[in-house]
Amino acid sequence: MKNEHLIMPDNRLTNNIESSQISSLIDDHNQSSDYIPQTTSTVINENKHVEVKNIRARDHWSSRIVYLLSIIGFVVDLGNVWRFPTTCYRNGGGAFLIPYFTFLFLVGLPCMYMELAIGQYHRLGYITVWNKVCPMLKGIGYSMLIINIYVLSYYNTIIAWSIYYCFASFRTIVPWTSCNNSWNTPNCYSVYQSNVTLSHNQSCSSAEEYYERRVLQSQKSMGINALGSLRWELVGCSVIVFILIYGSIYKGVKTAGKAIWFTALIPYVVLVILLLRSFTLEGIMDGLKYYIYPTFDKLKEYSVWQAAAVQIFFSLGPGFGVLLGYASYSDFHDNVPRTAIAASLINCFTSLLYGIVIFSGIGYLSHRLNSDVRKFVEGQMSL
């Protein structure tokens, strides 16, 4: 029997029906079905007959592990790979973990739990669900939609750059490792040169020049008011991104559930590879000490606690409506606290590991260039 939701009749009808009869209907109904709200409705018409109106059941994730992977795939992003390590270093190193985990348990985890619980119970998207929670607040759903459009515009651009680099890497010698290309300047240096040393502040790495002068070709623009023509190579990569997104979601959670095995697990495969590789490099301890060395005096500054709160929201992603939407496709009886705690802790653990990878690479880079780590950390890291 399909799932049903009992809608109580109005007062005029209930006066003519014994309360015990209604209770009996509810008990028989719930015992004979796997109760999930808002899939079908049971009403009592004017003739006091019970009618069942079937409503199409909402799709659901194929398994609970797929549901958990979908949440992990959302919360683990560039905020973990790049933003967390630099924020951690600039706000006290290892001491930053104190305000970070404080806001995780006081703000981040409760907000994540709330979104998952609302989505799982009402089984509606982040726009229509507010008609059930509080109709006066339905503008929140449209605000979430606008925010997601903004995020989509730059996140998909970053993915398009990644695809561009992927195509460019299918060469014997990748072009960003040397300074012998048409787009390079006299100030270019390569970490693959022997005994290379930064001679002045205008020095620019071959990788940086490849990104700015070959990928973006920013040297052809005089400023924000002169954007220049389209980079058709990047336009093509952007088209590929949108095709991949469409292919992942065109059948809803059925196709998204299959794609999530790749999108959620590949970052961890790359993380393990980079982590093992970083342990073989020289000078990694010089970078790691800037990452994990605690500066407890920083905890007295308001900006450190503010940065921790911003990082939690940036990383876990409450308020975007994605968690609410994912939860609406979950099992109605799923353990929400367990899911929220598991996803948030995995997210934080991933951030710490990516920090080790990033600062190990910076330590190796400073070792090769005979330069101070602080110069790279404070001058060339931002997101």
Protein backbone atom coordinates (compact mmCIF):
# COMPACT_ATOMS: atom_id res chain seq x y z
CA MET A 1 0.00 0.00 0.00
CA LYS A 2 1.29 3.47 -0.82
CA ASN A 3 2.29 5.88 1.90
CA GLU A 4 -0.50 8.04 3.24
CA HIS A 5 -0.95 11.21 5.25
CA LEU A 6 -4.11 11.75 7.29
CA ILE A 7 -5.64 15.21 6.89
CA MET A 8 -8.18 15.89 9.62
CA PRO A 9 -11.66 17.04 8.47
CA ASP A 10 -13.06 20.40 9.49
CA ASN A 11 -14.99 20.96 12.73
CA ARG A 12 -18.41 20.52 11.09
CA LEU A 13 -17.55 16.97 10.07
CA THR A 14 -15.69 15.97 13.22
CA ASN A 15 -18.74 16.78 15.31
CA ASN A 16 -20.60 13.96 13.52
CA ILE A 17 -17.86 11.37 13.89
CA GLU A 18 -16.82 9.77 17.13
CA SER A 19 -13.23 10.56 18.12
CA SER A 20 -12.62 6.87 18.69
CA GLN A 21 -13.53 6.18 15.06
CA ILE A 22 -11.02 8.74 13.85
CA SER A 23 -8.33 7.31 16.13
CA SER A 24 -9.07 3.86 14.79
CA LEU A 25 -8.72 5.14 11.21
CA ILE A 26 -5.37 6.70 12.05
CA ASP A 27 -4.04 3.55 13.74
CA ASP A 28 -5.19 1.25 10.92
CA HIS A 29 -3.72 3.64 8.37
CA ASN A 30 -0.30 3.94 10.00
CA GLN A 31 0.01 0.21 10.66
CA SER A 32 -0.76 -0.66 7.07
CA SER A 33 1.78 1.65 5.42
CA ASP A 34 5.29 2.95 5.71
CA TYR A 35 4.28 6.36 6.95
CA ILE A 36 5.79 9.26 5.05
CA PRO A 37 3.95 12.61 5.05
CA GLN A 38 2.57 14.31 1.95
CA THR A 39 2.66 11.42 -0.52
CA THR A 40 -1.07 10.63 -0.39
CA SER A 41 -3.91 12.20 1.58
CA THR A 42 -6.81 10.62 3.44
CA VAL A 43 -9.88 12.86 3.78
CA ILE A 44 -13.44 12.44 4.98
CA ASN A 45 -15.95 13.82 2.48
CA GLU A 46 -19.37 15.32 3.13
CA ASN A 47 -20.94 11.86 3.10
CA LYS A 48 -18.63 10.79 5.92
CA HIS A 49 -16.81 8.38 3.63
CA VAL A 50 -13.05 8.00 3.75
CA GLU A 51 -11.35 8.91 0.48
CA VAL A 52 -7.70 8.41 -0.35
CA LYS A 53 -6.22 10.87 -2.84
CA ASN A 54 -3.02 9.56 -4.32
CA ILE A 55 -0.16 11.99 -4.80
CA ARG A 56 3.02 10.99 -6.62
CA ALA A 57 5.58 9.82 -4.08
CA ARG A 58 8.78 11.86 -3.92
CA ASP A 59 11.92 10.23 -5.26
CA HIS A 60 14.49 9.10 -2.73
CA TRP A 61 18.17 8.24 -2.59
CA SER A 62 18.99 4.65 -3.46
CA SER A 63 20.63 4.08 -0.07
CA ARG A 64 21.64 5.90 3.07
CA ILE A 65 25.32 5.79 2.12
CA VAL A 66 24.50 7.61 -1.13
CA TYR A 67 22.60 10.21 0.87
CA LEU A 68 25.57 10.72 3.20
CA LEU A 69 27.99 10.90 0.25
CA SER A 70 25.81 13.56 -1.37
CA ILE A 71 26.09 15.73 1.73
CA ILE A 72 29.84 15.13 1.98
CA GLY A 73 30.21 15.99 -1.70
CA PHE A 74 28.51 19.32 -1.02
CA VAL A 75 30.32 20.37 2.16
CA VAL A 76 33.81 19.34 0.96
CA ASP A 77 34.90 21.92 -1.61
CA LEU A 78 37.41 24.72 -2.15
CA GLY A 79 36.69 25.97 1.35
CA ASN A 80 38.46 22.86 2.63
CA VAL A 81 41.23 22.71 0.06
CA TRP A 82 42.47 26.28 0.16
CA ARG A 83 40.49 28.63 2.36
CA PHE A 84 40.74 26.72 5.63
CA PRO A 85 44.56 26.29 5.61
CA THR A 86 45.24 29.98 4.96
CA THR A 87 42.58 31.09 7.46
CA CYS A 88 44.05 28.73 10.05
CA TYR A 89 47.59 30.10 9.55
CA ARG A 90 46.58 33.76 9.64
CA ASN A 91 44.53 33.34 12.81
CA GLY A 92 46.81 31.55 15.22
CA GLY A 93 47.73 28.25 13.55
CA GLY A 94 46.83 25.33 15.76
CA ALA A 95 45.19 27.69 18.27
CA PHE A 96 42.60 28.57 15.60
CA LEU A 97 41.10 25.10 16.07
CA ILE A 98 39.68 26.22 19.45
CA PRO A 99 37.26 28.84 18.04
CA TYR A 100 36.78 26.72 14.92
CA PHE A 101 35.42 23.69 16.78
CA THR A 102 33.57 25.98 19.21
CA PHE A 103 31.52 27.48 16.39
CA LEU A 104 31.20 24.06 14.78
CA PHE A 105 29.29 22.66 17.76
CA LEU A 106 27.51 25.89 18.77
CA VAL A 107 26.44 27.17 15.34
CA GLY A 108 27.44 25.01 12.37
CA LEU A 109 26.20 21.62 13.55
CA PRO A 110 22.84 22.92 14.90
CA CYS A 111 22.17 24.77 11.62
CA MET A 112 23.01 21.68 9.60
CA TYR A 113 20.78 19.54 11.83
CA MET A 114 17.92 22.01 11.46
CA GLU A 115 18.09 22.04 7.65
CA LEU A 116 18.33 18.26 7.41
CA ALA A 117 15.42 17.79 9.81
CA ILE A 118 13.15 20.29 8.03
CA GLY A 119 13.90 18.84 4.61
CA GLN A 120 13.50 15.24 5.76
CA TYR A 121 10.16 15.85 7.48
CA HIS A 122 8.41 18.07 4.94
CA ARG A 123 9.99 16.45 1.86
CA LEU A 124 9.88 19.64 -0.17
CA GLY A 125 12.44 21.83 -1.91
CA TYR A 126 14.00 24.87 -0.27
CA ILE A 127 11.47 27.25 -1.91
CA THR A 128 8.15 25.48 -1.32
CA VAL A 129 9.06 24.15 2.12
CA TRP A 130 8.62 27.59 3.68
CA ASN A 131 4.91 27.48 2.89
CA LYS A 132 4.77 24.64 5.42
CA VAL A 133 7.18 26.10 7.98
CA CYS A 134 5.94 29.69 7.90
CA PRO A 135 4.30 31.22 4.81
CA MET A 136 5.48 34.68 5.82
CA LEU A 137 9.09 33.51 5.45
CA LYS A 138 8.78 32.06 1.94
CA GLY A 139 11.04 34.86 0.72
CA ILE A 140 13.90 32.97 2.35
CA GLY A 141 13.57 30.26 -0.30
CA TYR A 142 13.87 32.77 -3.13
CA SER A 143 16.85 34.36 -1.38
CA MET A 144 18.53 30.94 -1.28
CA LEU A 145 17.88 30.61 -5.02
CA ILE A 146 19.54 33.96 -5.75
CA ILE A 147 22.55 33.05 -3.59
CA ASN A 148 22.93 29.75 -5.42
CA ILE A 149 22.90 31.57 -8.77
CA TYR A 150 25.76 33.76 -7.56
CA VAL A 151 27.72 30.77 -6.31
CA LEU A 152 27.03 28.85 -9.52
CA SER A 153 28.52 31.65 -11.60
CA TYR A 154 32.00 31.46 -10.06
CA TYR A 155 32.18 27.83 -8.93
CA ASN A 156 31.43 26.58 -12.42
CA THR A 157 34.04 28.97 -13.77
CA ILE A 158 36.65 27.45 -11.48
CA ILE A 159 35.64 23.96 -12.62
CA ALA A 160 35.96 25.15 -16.24
CA TRP A 161 39.53 26.27 -15.50
CA SER A 162 40.20 22.81 -14.06
CA ILE A 163 38.97 21.17 -17.23
CA TYR A 164 41.21 23.50 -19.26
CA TYR A 165 44.22 22.44 -17.18
CA CYS A 166 43.19 18.80 -17.57
CA PHE A 167 43.32 19.08 -21.36
CA ALA A 168 46.61 21.01 -21.20
CA SER A 169 48.20 18.30 -19.07
CA PHE A 170 48.03 15.73 -21.89
CA ARG A 171 51.49 16.71 -23.05
CA THR A 172 54.96 15.31 -22.53
CA ILE A 173 56.02 18.58 -20.86
CA VAL A 174 53.22 20.61 -19.33
CA PRO A 175 53.42 24.28 -20.40
CA TRP A 176 53.40 25.83 -16.92
CA THR A 177 56.72 24.29 -15.89
CA SER A 178 59.01 26.41 -18.09
CA CYS A 179 59.64 30.04 -19.01
CA ASN A 180 60.38 29.40 -22.69
CA ASN A 181 56.88 30.14 -23.97
CA SER A 182 55.54 33.09 -25.95
CA TRP A 183 53.49 34.39 -23.02
CA ASN A 184 56.35 34.44 -20.51
CA THR A 185 58.09 37.64 -19.37
CA PRO A 186 61.74 38.28 -18.44
CA ASN A 187 60.69 38.16 -14.77
CA CYS A 188 59.60 34.53 -15.08
CA TYR A 189 61.20 31.81 -12.99
CA SER A 190 60.55 28.07 -12.76
CA VAL A 191 60.88 25.91 -9.66
CA TYR A 192 62.24 23.18 -11.91
CA GLN A 193 65.36 25.21 -12.64
CA SER A 194 68.44 24.30 -10.65
CA ASN A 195 69.57 26.73 -7.93
CA VAL A 196 66.83 29.22 -8.73
CA THR A 197 66.60 32.24 -6.43
CA LEU A 198 64.05 35.05 -6.36
CA SER A 199 65.99 38.12 -7.43
CA HIS A 200 63.36 40.82 -6.78
CA ASN A 201 59.74 41.35 -5.83
CA GLN A 202 58.63 41.45 -9.47
CA SER A 203 59.57 37.80 -10.02
CA CYS A 204 56.66 35.69 -11.22
CA SER A 205 56.50 31.90 -11.37
CA SER A 206 55.97 30.08 -14.66
CA ALA A 207 52.77 28.56 -13.29
CA GLU A 208 51.39 31.98 -12.35
CA GLU A 209 52.24 33.47 -15.74
CA TYR A 210 50.62 30.51 -17.48
CA TYR A 211 47.40 31.10 -15.56
CA GLU A 212 47.31 34.89 -15.95
CA ARG A 213 48.88 35.36 -19.38
CA ARG A 214 47.88 32.16 -21.20
CA VAL A 215 44.66 30.92 -19.62
CA LEU A 216 43.04 34.26 -18.79
CA GLN A 217 45.20 36.47 -21.05
CA SER A 218 44.66 39.27 -18.59
CA GLN A 219 47.57 41.25 -20.06
CA LYS A 220 45.33 42.12 -23.02
CA SER A 221 42.86 43.96 -20.80
CA MET A 222 43.50 47.46 -19.47
CA GLY A 223 41.07 47.02 -16.57
CA ILE A 224 37.55 46.06 -15.54
CA ASN A 225 36.10 48.48 -18.09
CA ALA A 226 37.93 46.76 -20.98
CA LEU A 227 37.20 43.07 -20.65
CA GLY A 228 38.15 42.22 -24.21
CA SER A 229 36.81 39.39 -26.34
CA LEU A 230 35.65 35.98 -25.15
CA ARG A 231 38.19 33.23 -24.53
CA TRP A 232 36.54 30.58 -26.65
CA GLU A 233 38.63 27.81 -25.13
CA LEU A 234 37.23 28.68 -21.70
CA VAL A 235 33.74 29.06 -23.13
CA GLY A 236 34.00 25.52 -24.48
CA CYS A 237 35.16 24.27 -21.08
CA SER A 238 32.20 26.03 -19.43
CA VAL A 239 29.84 24.33 -21.86
CA ILE A 240 31.35 20.98 -20.90
CA VAL A 241 30.75 21.80 -17.22
CA PHE A 242 27.07 22.54 -17.77
CA ILE A 243 26.66 19.41 -19.88
CA LEU A 244 28.18 17.35 -17.07
CA ILE A 245 25.87 19.00 -14.54
CA TYR A 246 22.83 18.33 -16.69
CA GLY A 247 23.87 14.73 -17.22
CA SER A 248 24.18 14.30 -13.45
CA ILE A 249 20.76 15.66 -12.49
CA TYR A 250 18.43 15.33 -15.48
CA LYS A 251 16.64 12.39 -13.84
CA GLY A 252 16.84 13.79 -10.34
CA VAL A 253 18.30 11.70 -7.56
CA LYS A 254 18.42 8.61 -9.79
CA THR A 255 21.28 10.00 -11.87
CA ALA A 256 22.67 12.22 -9.11
CA GLY A 257 22.98 9.18 -6.85
CA LYS A 258 25.18 7.48 -9.44
CA ALA A 259 27.30 10.55 -10.13
CA ILE A 260 27.89 11.15 -6.43
CA TRP A 261 30.06 8.04 -6.17
CA PHE A 262 32.55 9.81 -8.41
CA THR A 263 32.19 13.43 -7.33
CA ALA A 264 32.33 12.67 -3.59
CA LEU A 265 35.07 10.02 -3.58
CA ILE A 266 37.54 11.36 -6.17
CA PRO A 267 38.60 14.30 -3.95
CA TYR A 268 39.66 11.80 -1.28
CA VAL A 269 41.58 9.71 -3.79
CA VAL A 270 43.44 12.84 -4.88
CA LEU A 271 43.93 13.81 -1.22
CA VAL A 272 45.56 10.48 -0.38
CA ILE A 273 47.85 10.69 -3.44
CA LEU A 274 48.93 14.25 -2.64
CA LEU A 275 49.36 13.44 1.03
CA LEU A 276 51.65 10.49 0.32
CA ARG A 277 53.57 12.52 -2.23
CA SER A 278 54.05 15.43 0.16
CA PHE A 279 55.80 13.17 2.68
CA THR A 280 58.54 12.51 0.13
CA LEU A 281 59.37 16.19 -0.46
CA GLU A 282 62.18 18.18 1.09
CA GLY A 283 61.50 21.13 3.34
CA ILE A 284 57.92 20.21 4.22
CA MET A 285 58.46 20.80 7.93
CA ASP A 286 59.26 24.44 7.22
CA GLY A 287 55.78 24.81 5.78
CA LEU A 288 53.96 22.71 8.35
CA LYS A 289 55.24 24.67 11.31
CA TYR A 290 53.58 27.79 9.91
CA TYR A 291 50.35 25.84 9.61
CA ILE A 292 50.09 24.04 12.94
CA TYR A 293 52.27 26.06 15.33
CA PRO A 294 49.81 27.56 17.86
CA THR A 295 49.79 31.27 18.65
CA PHE A 296 47.44 31.47 21.61
CA ASP A 297 47.73 35.25 21.91
CA LYS A 298 45.65 35.46 18.73
CA LEU A 299 42.65 34.12 20.63
CA LYS A 300 42.33 37.49 22.35
CA GLU A 301 41.46 39.12 19.02
CA TYR A 302 37.85 39.43 17.91
CA SER A 303 38.80 38.95 14.24
CA VAL A 304 40.01 35.40 14.94
CA TRP A 305 36.66 34.31 16.33
CA GLN A 306 34.91 36.08 13.47
CA ALA A 307 37.08 34.25 10.95
CA ALA A 308 36.23 30.92 12.61
CA ALA A 309 32.49 31.60 12.37
CA VAL A 310 32.77 32.64 8.72
CA GLN A 311 34.83 29.54 7.92
CA ILE A 312 32.24 27.24 9.48
CA PHE A 313 29.42 28.73 7.42
CA PHE A 314 31.59 28.79 4.30
CA SER A 315 32.56 25.15 4.75
CA LEU A 316 29.38 23.44 5.97
CA GLY A 317 27.12 25.51 3.72
CA PRO A 318 24.02 26.08 5.87
CA GLY A 319 21.66 28.68 4.44
CA PHE A 320 22.14 27.70 0.80
CA GLY A 321 19.19 25.31 0.82
CA VAL A 322 21.23 22.45 -0.62
CA LEU A 323 21.20 20.46 2.61
CA LEU A 324 17.47 21.02 2.89
CA GLY A 325 16.91 19.82 -0.67
CA TYR A 326 19.11 16.74 -0.27
CA ALA A 327 17.35 15.77 2.95
CA SER A 328 13.95 15.95 1.26
CA TYR A 329 14.95 12.88 -0.78
CA SER A 330 16.16 10.88 2.20
CA ASP A 331 14.45 8.11 4.12
CA PHE A 332 11.82 9.61 6.41
CA HIS A 333 13.17 7.55 9.31
CA ASP A 334 16.83 8.40 8.73
CA ASN A 335 18.85 9.29 11.83
CA VAL A 336 19.30 13.04 11.34
CA PRO A 337 21.72 13.68 14.26
CA ARG A 338 23.99 10.86 13.14
CA THR A 339 24.04 12.13 9.55
CA ALA A 340 24.75 15.72 10.59
CA ILE A 341 27.54 14.78 13.01
CA ALA A 342 29.19 12.38 10.56
CA ALA A 343 29.15 14.87 7.66
CA SER A 344 30.44 17.79 9.74
CA LEU A 345 33.28 15.82 11.35
CA ILE A 346 34.36 14.35 8.00
CA ASN A 347 34.34 17.86 6.60
CA CYS A 348 36.58 19.20 9.38
CA PHE A 349 38.93 16.22 9.18
CA THR A 350 39.25 16.76 5.42
CA SER A 351 40.11 20.42 5.99
CA LEU A 352 42.95 19.51 8.35
CA LEU A 353 44.40 16.98 5.89
CA TYR A 354 44.26 19.37 2.95
CA GLY A 355 46.02 21.94 5.11
CA ILE A 356 48.89 19.49 5.57
CA VAL A 357 49.08 18.97 1.80
CA ILE A 358 48.99 22.69 0.96
CA PHE A 359 51.60 23.79 3.49
CA SER A 360 53.84 20.84 2.70
CA GLY A 361 53.88 22.03 -0.89
CA ILE A 362 54.65 25.58 0.19
CA GLY A 363 57.50 24.34 2.37
CA TYR A 364 58.93 22.42 -0.58
CA LEU A 365 58.53 25.45 -2.85
CA SER A 366 60.37 27.74 -0.44
CA HIS A 367 63.11 25.13 -0.10
CA ARG A 368 63.61 24.96 -3.86
CA LEU A 369 63.65 28.75 -4.19
CA ASN A 370 65.81 29.35 -1.11
CA SER A 371 63.14 31.73 0.14
CA ASP A 372 61.22 32.29 3.35
CA VAL A 373 57.92 30.42 3.69
CA ARG A 374 56.27 33.52 5.09
CA LYS A 375 56.74 35.28 1.77
CA PHE A 376 54.54 32.73 0.01
CA VAL A 377 52.02 32.35 2.79
CA GLU A 378 51.36 36.05 3.31
CA GLY A 379 51.82 37.29 -0.24
CA GLN A 380 50.58 34.65 -2.64
CA MET A 381 47.75 32.79 -0.91
CA SER A 382 44.18 33.95 -1.18
CA LEU A 383 40.76 32.72 -2.17
